[in-house]
């Protein structure tokens, strides 16, 4: 199985959505539901981490020499 951190955001989100549907169906044993819930929480963390990383990248701008620096809008 692929490590959650190596999954794309879309893959992790798709797996998370599938787990939610399975849990909502109510057709799981208690032990299976607990395992699915745990997997879902790990996937949710993976998605959150990937979104935070993307947000940090979006909030940066490349300077002329290729270094990342914080994007700031000059105040007038």
PDB file of N, CA and C in Angstrom:
ATOM      1  N   UNK A   1       0.845  -1.197   0.000  1.00  0.00           N
ATOM      2  CA  UNK A   1       0.000   0.000   0.000  1.00  0.00           C
ATOM      3  C   UNK A   1       0.881   1.248   0.000  1.00  0.00           C
ATOM      4  N   UNK A   2       0.461   2.223  -0.747  1.00  0.00           N
ATOM      5  CA  UNK A   2       1.197   3.484  -0.866  1.00  0.00           C
ATOM      6  C   UNK A   2       1.124   4.254   0.454  1.00  0.00           C
ATOM      7  N   UNK A   3       2.248   4.850   0.855  1.00  0.00           N
ATOM      8  CA  UNK A   3       2.257   5.668   2.066  1.00  0.00           C
ATOM      9  C   UNK A   3       1.351   6.870   1.850  1.00  0.00           C
ATOM     10  N   UNK A   4       0.637   7.250   2.897  1.00  0.00           N
ATOM     11  CA  UNK A   4      -0.286   8.385   2.791  1.00  0.00           C
ATOM     12  C   UNK A   4       0.429   9.664   2.403  1.00  0.00           C
ATOM     13  N   UNK A   5       1.667   9.860   2.898  1.00  0.00           N
ATOM     14  CA  UNK A   5       2.402  11.089   2.589  1.00  0.00           C
ATOM     15  C   UNK A   5       2.844  11.133   1.125  1.00  0.00           C
ATOM     16  N   UNK A   6       2.904   9.958   0.453  1.00  0.00           N
ATOM     17  CA  UNK A   6       3.309   9.916  -0.946  1.00  0.00           C
ATOM     18  C   UNK A   6       2.126  10.032  -1.902  1.00  0.00           C
ATOM     19  N   UNK A   7       0.910   9.977  -1.367  1.00  0.00           N
ATOM     20  CA  UNK A   7      -0.285  10.112  -2.196  1.00  0.00           C
ATOM     21  C   UNK A   7      -0.461  11.563  -2.614  1.00  0.00           C
ATOM     22  N   UNK A   8      -1.089  11.730  -3.763  1.00  0.00           N
ATOM     23  CA  UNK A   8      -1.456  13.090  -4.140  1.00  0.00           C
ATOM     24  C   UNK A   8      -2.639  13.514  -3.267  1.00  0.00           C
ATOM     25  N   UNK A   9      -2.888  14.804  -3.227  1.00  0.00           N
ATOM     26  CA  UNK A   9      -4.031  15.309  -2.467  1.00  0.00           C
ATOM     27  C   UNK A   9      -5.317  14.666  -2.968  1.00  0.00           C
ATOM     28  N   UNK A  10      -5.440  14.570  -4.289  1.00  0.00           N
ATOM     29  CA  UNK A  10      -6.660  14.025  -4.888  1.00  0.00           C
ATOM     30  C   UNK A  10      -6.865  12.551  -4.527  1.00  0.00           C
ATOM     31  N   UNK A  11      -5.770  11.776  -4.506  1.00  0.00           N
ATOM     32  CA  UNK A  11      -5.872  10.365  -4.130  1.00  0.00           C
ATOM     33  C   UNK A  11      -6.305  10.212  -2.672  1.00  0.00           C
ATOM     34  N   UNK A  12      -5.674  11.000  -1.802  1.00  0.00           N
ATOM     35  CA  UNK A  12      -6.006  10.933  -0.378  1.00  0.00           C
ATOM     36  C   UNK A  12      -7.453  11.355  -0.143  1.00  0.00           C
ATOM     37  N   UNK A  13      -7.889  12.394  -0.834  1.00  0.00           N
ATOM     38  CA  UNK A  13      -9.253  12.881  -0.673  1.00  0.00           C
ATOM     39  C   UNK A  13     -10.258  11.849  -1.168  1.00  0.00           C
ATOM     40  N   UNK A  14      -9.957  11.201  -2.276  1.00  0.00           N
ATOM     41  CA  UNK A  14     -10.837  10.180  -2.825  1.00  0.00           C
ATOM     42  C   UNK A  14     -10.977   9.002  -1.856  1.00  0.00           C
ATOM     43  N   UNK A  15      -9.859   8.567  -1.288  1.00  0.00           N
ATOM     44  CA  UNK A  15      -9.895   7.469  -0.311  1.00  0.00           C
ATOM     45  C   UNK A  15     -10.659   7.897   0.937  1.00  0.00           C
ATOM     46  N   UNK A  16     -10.474   9.127   1.361  1.00  0.00           N
ATOM     47  CA  UNK A  16     -11.193   9.631   2.522  1.00  0.00           C
ATOM     48  C   UNK A  16     -12.697   9.649   2.263  1.00  0.00           C
ATOM     49  N   UNK A  17     -13.098  10.107   1.080  1.00  0.00           N
ATOM     50  CA  UNK A  17     -14.517  10.129   0.730  1.00  0.00           C
ATOM     51  C   UNK A  17     -15.107   8.722   0.710  1.00  0.00           C
ATOM     52  N   UNK A  18     -14.347   7.745   0.213  1.00  0.00           N
ATOM     53  CA  UNK A  18     -14.813   6.358   0.186  1.00  0.00           C
ATOM     54  C   UNK A  18     -15.005   5.823   1.608  1.00  0.00           C
ATOM     55  N   UNK A  19     -14.087   6.158   2.501  1.00  0.00           N
ATOM     56  CA  UNK A  19     -14.207   5.723   3.892  1.00  0.00           C
ATOM     57  C   UNK A  19     -15.438   6.333   4.538  1.00  0.00           C
ATOM     58  N   UNK A  20     -15.671   7.607   4.293  1.00  0.00           N
ATOM     59  CA  UNK A  20     -16.841   8.284   4.863  1.00  0.00           C
ATOM     60  C   UNK A  20     -18.117   7.597   4.387  1.00  0.00           C
ATOM     61  N   UNK A  21     -18.202   7.277   3.092  1.00  0.00           N
ATOM     62  CA  UNK A  21     -19.393   6.602   2.566  1.00  0.00           C
ATOM     63  C   UNK A  21     -19.589   5.242   3.226  1.00  0.00           C
ATOM     64  N   UNK A  22     -18.497   4.494   3.408  1.00  0.00           N
ATOM     65  CA  UNK A  22     -18.584   3.183   4.052  1.00  0.00           C
ATOM     66  C   UNK A  22     -19.071   3.317   5.490  1.00  0.00           C
ATOM     67  N   UNK A  23     -18.539   4.289   6.210  1.00  0.00           N
ATOM     68  CA  UNK A  23     -18.958   4.488   7.593  1.00  0.00           C
ATOM     69  C   UNK A  23     -20.416   4.945   7.670  1.00  0.00           C
ATOM     70  N   UNK A  24     -20.821   5.802   6.747  1.00  0.00           N
ATOM     71  CA  UNK A  24     -22.202   6.285   6.743  1.00  0.00           C
ATOM     72  C   UNK A  24     -23.196   5.189   6.387  1.00  0.00           C
ATOM     73  N   UNK A  25     -22.749   4.174   5.649  1.00  0.00           N
ATOM     74  CA  UNK A  25     -23.651   3.092   5.261  1.00  0.00           C
ATOM     75  C   UNK A  25     -24.096   2.270   6.464  1.00  0.00           C
ATOM     76  N   UNK A  26     -23.258   2.244   7.507  1.00  0.00           N
ATOM     77  CA  UNK A  26     -23.596   1.481   8.700  1.00  0.00           C
ATOM     78  C   UNK A  26     -23.407  -0.014   8.540  1.00  0.00           C
ATOM     79  N   UNK A  27     -22.781  -0.450   7.465  1.00  0.00           N
ATOM     80  CA  UNK A  27     -22.592  -1.868   7.191  1.00  0.00           C
ATOM     81  C   UNK A  27     -21.230  -2.382   7.640  1.00  0.00           C
ATOM     82  N   UNK A  28     -20.648  -1.777   8.656  1.00  0.00           N
ATOM     83  CA  UNK A  28     -19.328  -2.174   9.150  1.00  0.00           C
ATOM     84  C   UNK A  28     -19.474  -2.734  10.560  1.00  0.00           C
ATOM     85  N   UNK A  29     -18.612  -3.687  10.872  1.00  0.00           N
ATOM     86  CA  UNK A  29     -18.537  -4.126  12.265  1.00  0.00           C
ATOM     87  C   UNK A  29     -17.889  -3.013  13.069  1.00  0.00           C
ATOM     88  N   UNK A  30     -18.000  -3.078  14.373  1.00  0.00           N
ATOM     89  CA  UNK A  30     -17.418  -2.043  15.220  1.00  0.00           C
ATOM     90  C   UNK A  30     -15.913  -1.960  15.011  1.00  0.00           C
ATOM     91  N   UNK A  31     -15.240  -3.118  14.989  1.00  0.00           N
ATOM     92  CA  UNK A  31     -13.786  -3.111  14.789  1.00  0.00           C
ATOM     93  C   UNK A  31     -13.418  -2.530  13.431  1.00  0.00           C
ATOM     94  N   UNK A  32     -14.165  -2.895  12.396  1.00  0.00           N
ATOM     95  CA  UNK A  32     -13.901  -2.371  11.052  1.00  0.00           C
ATOM     96  C   UNK A  32     -14.139  -0.864  11.013  1.00  0.00           C
ATOM     97  N   UNK A  33     -15.204  -0.406  11.677  1.00  0.00           N
ATOM     98  CA  UNK A  33     -15.519   1.022  11.708  1.00  0.00           C
ATOM     99  C   UNK A  33     -14.396   1.801  12.408  1.00  0.00           C
ATOM    100  N   UNK A  34     -13.872   1.240  13.490  1.00  0.00           N
ATOM    101  CA  UNK A  34     -12.784   1.910  14.216  1.00  0.00           C
ATOM    102  C   UNK A  34     -11.547   2.001  13.330  1.00  0.00           C
ATOM    103  N   UNK A  35     -11.224   0.914  12.627  1.00  0.00           N
ATOM    104  CA  UNK A  35     -10.065   0.933  11.718  1.00  0.00           C
ATOM    105  C   UNK A  35     -10.256   1.926  10.587  1.00  0.00           C
ATOM    106  N   UNK A  36     -11.462   1.958  10.019  1.00  0.00           N
ATOM    107  CA  UNK A  36     -11.743   2.899   8.934  1.00  0.00           C
ATOM    108  C   UNK A  36     -11.681   4.340   9.449  1.00  0.00           C
ATOM    109  N   UNK A  37     -12.202   4.564  10.649  1.00  0.00           N
ATOM    110  CA  UNK A  37     -12.158   5.904  11.231  1.00  0.00           C
ATOM    111  C   UNK A  37     -10.703   6.353  11.429  1.00  0.00           C
ATOM    112  N   UNK A  38      -9.878   5.447  11.940  1.00  0.00           N
ATOM    113  CA  UNK A  38      -8.457   5.756  12.142  1.00  0.00           C
ATOM    114  C   UNK A  38      -7.783   6.074  10.813  1.00  0.00           C
ATOM    115  N   UNK A  39      -8.042   5.246   9.794  1.00  0.00           N
ATOM    116  CA  UNK A  39      -7.486   5.514   8.462  1.00  0.00           C
ATOM    117  C   UNK A  39      -7.978   6.858   7.934  1.00  0.00           C
ATOM    118  N   UNK A  40      -9.257   7.139   8.146  1.00  0.00           N
ATOM    119  CA  UNK A  40      -9.825   8.402   7.693  1.00  0.00           C
ATOM    120  C   UNK A  40      -9.183   9.605   8.361  1.00  0.00           C
ATOM    121  N   UNK A  41      -8.925   9.503   9.650  1.00  0.00           N
ATOM    122  CA  UNK A  41      -8.279  10.609  10.367  1.00  0.00           C
ATOM    123  C   UNK A  41      -6.863  10.821   9.850  1.00  0.00           C
ATOM    124  N   UNK A  42      -6.157   9.732   9.557  1.00  0.00           N
ATOM    125  CA  UNK A  42      -4.798   9.853   9.003  1.00  0.00           C
ATOM    126  C   UNK A  42      -4.842  10.489   7.612  1.00  0.00           C
ATOM    127  N   UNK A  43      -5.825  10.096   6.808  1.00  0.00           N
ATOM    128  CA  UNK A  43      -5.972  10.697   5.479  1.00  0.00           C
ATOM    129  C   UNK A  43      -6.340  12.176   5.583  1.00  0.00           C
ATOM    130  N   UNK A  44      -7.197  12.516   6.540  1.00  0.00           N
ATOM    131  CA  UNK A  44      -7.576  13.922   6.741  1.00  0.00           C
ATOM    132  C   UNK A  44      -6.350  14.746   7.122  1.00  0.00           C
ATOM    133  N   UNK A  45      -5.478  14.179   7.966  1.00  0.00           N
ATOM    134  CA  UNK A  45      -4.242  14.884   8.337  1.00  0.00           C
ATOM    135  C   UNK A  45      -3.353  15.056   7.116  1.00  0.00           C
ATOM    136  N   UNK A  46      -3.238  14.007   6.299  1.00  0.00           N
ATOM    137  CA  UNK A  46      -2.437  14.093   5.077  1.00  0.00           C
ATOM    138  C   UNK A  46      -2.968  15.201   4.173  1.00  0.00           C
ATOM    139  N   UNK A  47      -4.289  15.244   3.989  1.00  0.00           N
ATOM    140  CA  UNK A  47      -4.899  16.285   3.145  1.00  0.00           C
ATOM    141  C   UNK A  47      -4.629  17.666   3.734  1.00  0.00           C
ATOM    142  N   UNK A  48      -4.786  17.804   5.036  1.00  0.00           N
ATOM    143  CA  UNK A  48      -4.532  19.089   5.689  1.00  0.00           C
ATOM    144  C   UNK A  48      -3.091  19.534   5.533  1.00  0.00           C
ATOM    145  N   UNK A  49      -2.165  18.585   5.694  1.00  0.00           N
ATOM    146  CA  UNK A  49      -0.745  18.914   5.534  1.00  0.00           C
ATOM    147  C   UNK A  49      -0.437  19.359   4.111  1.00  0.00           C
ATOM    148  N   UNK A  50      -1.029  18.662   3.136  1.00  0.00           N
ATOM    149  CA  UNK A  50      -0.795  19.023   1.735  1.00  0.00           C
ATOM    150  C   UNK A  50      -1.405  20.392   1.414  1.00  0.00           C
ATOM    151  N   UNK A  51      -2.569  20.684   1.972  1.00  0.00           N
ATOM    152  CA  UNK A  51      -3.178  22.004   1.760  1.00  0.00           C
ATOM    153  C   UNK A  51      -2.333  23.105   2.402  1.00  0.00           C
ATOM    154  N   UNK A  52      -1.830  22.846   3.607  1.00  0.00           N
ATOM    155  CA  UNK A  52      -0.960  23.839   4.267  1.00  0.00           C
ATOM    156  C   UNK A  52       0.296  24.086   3.453  1.00  0.00           C
ATOM    157  N   UNK A  53       0.873  23.025   2.917  1.00  0.00           N
ATOM    158  CA  UNK A  53       2.074  23.163   2.097  1.00  0.00           C
ATOM    159  C   UNK A  53       1.778  23.973   0.840  1.00  0.00           C
ATOM    160  N   UNK A  54       0.643  23.678   0.206  1.00  0.00           N
ATOM    161  CA  UNK A  54       0.264  24.418  -1.002  1.00  0.00           C
ATOM    162  C   UNK A  54       0.013  25.890  -0.673  1.00  0.00           C
ATOM    163  N   UNK A  55      -0.608  26.145   0.458  1.00  0.00           N
ATOM    164  CA  UNK A  55      -0.872  27.522   0.873  1.00  0.00           C
ATOM    165  C   UNK A  55       0.430  28.284   1.078  1.00  0.00           C
ATOM    166  N   UNK A  56       1.404  27.624   1.714  1.00  0.00           N
ATOM    167  CA  UNK A  56       2.702  28.271   1.916  1.00  0.00           C
ATOM    168  C   UNK A  56       3.368  28.595   0.588  1.00  0.00           C
ATOM    169  N   UNK A  57       3.271  27.672  -0.375  1.00  0.00           N
ATOM    170  CA  UNK A  57       3.890  27.910  -1.686  1.00  0.00           C
ATOM    171  C   UNK A  57       3.195  29.043  -2.424  1.00  0.00           C
ATOM    172  N   UNK A  58       1.859  29.091  -2.308  1.00  0.00           N
ATOM    173  CA  UNK A  58       1.106  30.150  -2.982  1.00  0.00           C
ATOM    174  C   UNK A  58       1.430  31.507  -2.374  1.00  0.00           C
ATOM    175  N   UNK A  59       1.738  31.518  -1.072  1.00  0.00           N
ATOM    176  CA  UNK A  59       2.043  32.773  -0.385  1.00  0.00           C
ATOM    177  C   UNK A  59       3.484  33.222  -0.586  1.00  0.00           C
ATOM    178  N   UNK A  60       4.207  32.561  -1.435  1.00  0.00           N
ATOM    179  CA  UNK A  60       5.598  32.931  -1.728  1.00  0.00           C
ATOM    180  C   UNK A  60       5.706  33.334  -3.203  1.00  0.00           C
ATOM    181  N   UNK A  61       6.737  34.095  -3.497  1.00  0.00           N
ATOM    182  CA  UNK A  61       6.995  34.537  -4.876  1.00  0.00           C
ATOM    183  C   UNK A  61       8.461  34.279  -5.177  1.00  0.00           C
ATOM    184  N   UNK A  62       8.715  33.861  -6.401  1.00  0.00           N
ATOM    185  CA  UNK A  62      10.111  33.684  -6.798  1.00  0.00           C
ATOM    186  C   UNK A  62      10.739  35.036  -7.112  1.00  0.00           C
ATOM    187  N   UNK A  63      11.902  35.261  -6.544  1.00  0.00           N
ATOM    188  CA  UNK A  63      12.645  36.474  -6.871  1.00  0.00           C
ATOM    189  C   UNK A  63      13.450  36.212  -8.138  1.00  0.00           C
ATOM    190  N   UNK A  64      14.134  37.188  -8.630  1.00  0.00           N
ATOM    191  CA  UNK A  64      14.914  37.053  -9.863  1.00  0.00           C
ATOM    192  C   UNK A  64      15.969  35.956  -9.780  1.00  0.00           C
ATOM    193  N   UNK A  65      16.533  35.725  -8.605  1.00  0.00           N
ATOM    194  CA  UNK A  65      17.584  34.711  -8.477  1.00  0.00           C
ATOM    195  C   UNK A  65      17.037  33.333  -8.094  1.00  0.00           C
ATOM    196  N   UNK A  66      15.731  33.153  -8.111  1.00  0.00           N
ATOM    197  CA  UNK A  66      15.126  31.855  -7.874  1.00  0.00           C
ATOM    198  C   UNK A  66      14.851  31.524  -6.422  1.00  0.00           C
ATOM    199  N   UNK A  67      15.117  32.426  -5.520  1.00  0.00           N
ATOM    200  CA  UNK A  67      14.835  32.183  -4.111  1.00  0.00           C
ATOM    201  C   UNK A  67      13.382  32.516  -3.817  1.00  0.00           C
ATOM    202  N   UNK A  68      12.815  31.772  -2.873  1.00  0.00           N
ATOM    203  CA  UNK A  68      11.453  32.071  -2.448  1.00  0.00           C
ATOM    204  C   UNK A  68      11.483  33.144  -1.377  1.00  0.00           C
ATOM    205  N   UNK A  69      10.569  34.066  -1.455  1.00  0.00           N
ATOM    206  CA  UNK A  69      10.445  35.057  -0.401  1.00  0.00           C
ATOM    207  C   UNK A  69       8.972  35.341  -0.191  1.00  0.00           C
ATOM    208  N   UNK A  70       8.627  35.815   1.002  1.00  0.00           N
ATOM    209  CA  UNK A  70       7.239  36.117   1.302  1.00  0.00           C
ATOM    210  C   UNK A  70       6.703  37.187   0.369  1.00  0.00           C
ATOM    211  N   UNK A  71       5.487  36.973  -0.060  1.00  0.00           N
ATOM    212  CA  UNK A  71       4.807  37.929  -0.917  1.00  0.00           C
ATOM    213  C   UNK A  71       4.179  39.007  -0.047  1.00  0.00           C
ATOM    214  N   UNK A  72       4.513  40.249  -0.324  1.00  0.00           N
ATOM    215  CA  UNK A  72       3.943  41.360   0.422  1.00  0.00           C
ATOM    216  C   UNK A  72       3.416  42.388  -0.549  1.00  0.00           C
ATOM    217  N   UNK A  73       2.244  42.887  -0.264  1.00  0.00           N
ATOM    218  CA  UNK A  73       1.654  43.959  -1.072  1.00  0.00           C
ATOM    219  C   UNK A  73       2.072  45.278  -0.446  1.00  0.00           C
ATOM    220  N   UNK A  74       2.746  46.125  -1.219  1.00  0.00           N
ATOM    221  CA  UNK A  74       3.183  47.418  -0.638  1.00  0.00           C
ATOM    222  C   UNK A  74       1.969  48.258  -0.246  1.00  0.00           C
ATOM    223  N   UNK A  75       2.047  48.825   0.945  1.00  0.00           N
ATOM    224  CA  UNK A  75       0.975  49.719   1.386  1.00  0.00           C
ATOM    225  C   UNK A  75       1.260  51.111   0.863  1.00  0.00           C
ATOM    226  N   UNK A  76       0.192  51.799   0.499  1.00  0.00           N
ATOM    227  CA  UNK A  76       0.357  53.153  -0.032  1.00  0.00           C
ATOM    228  C   UNK A  76       0.213  54.191   1.024  1.00  0.00           C
TER     229      UNK A  76
END
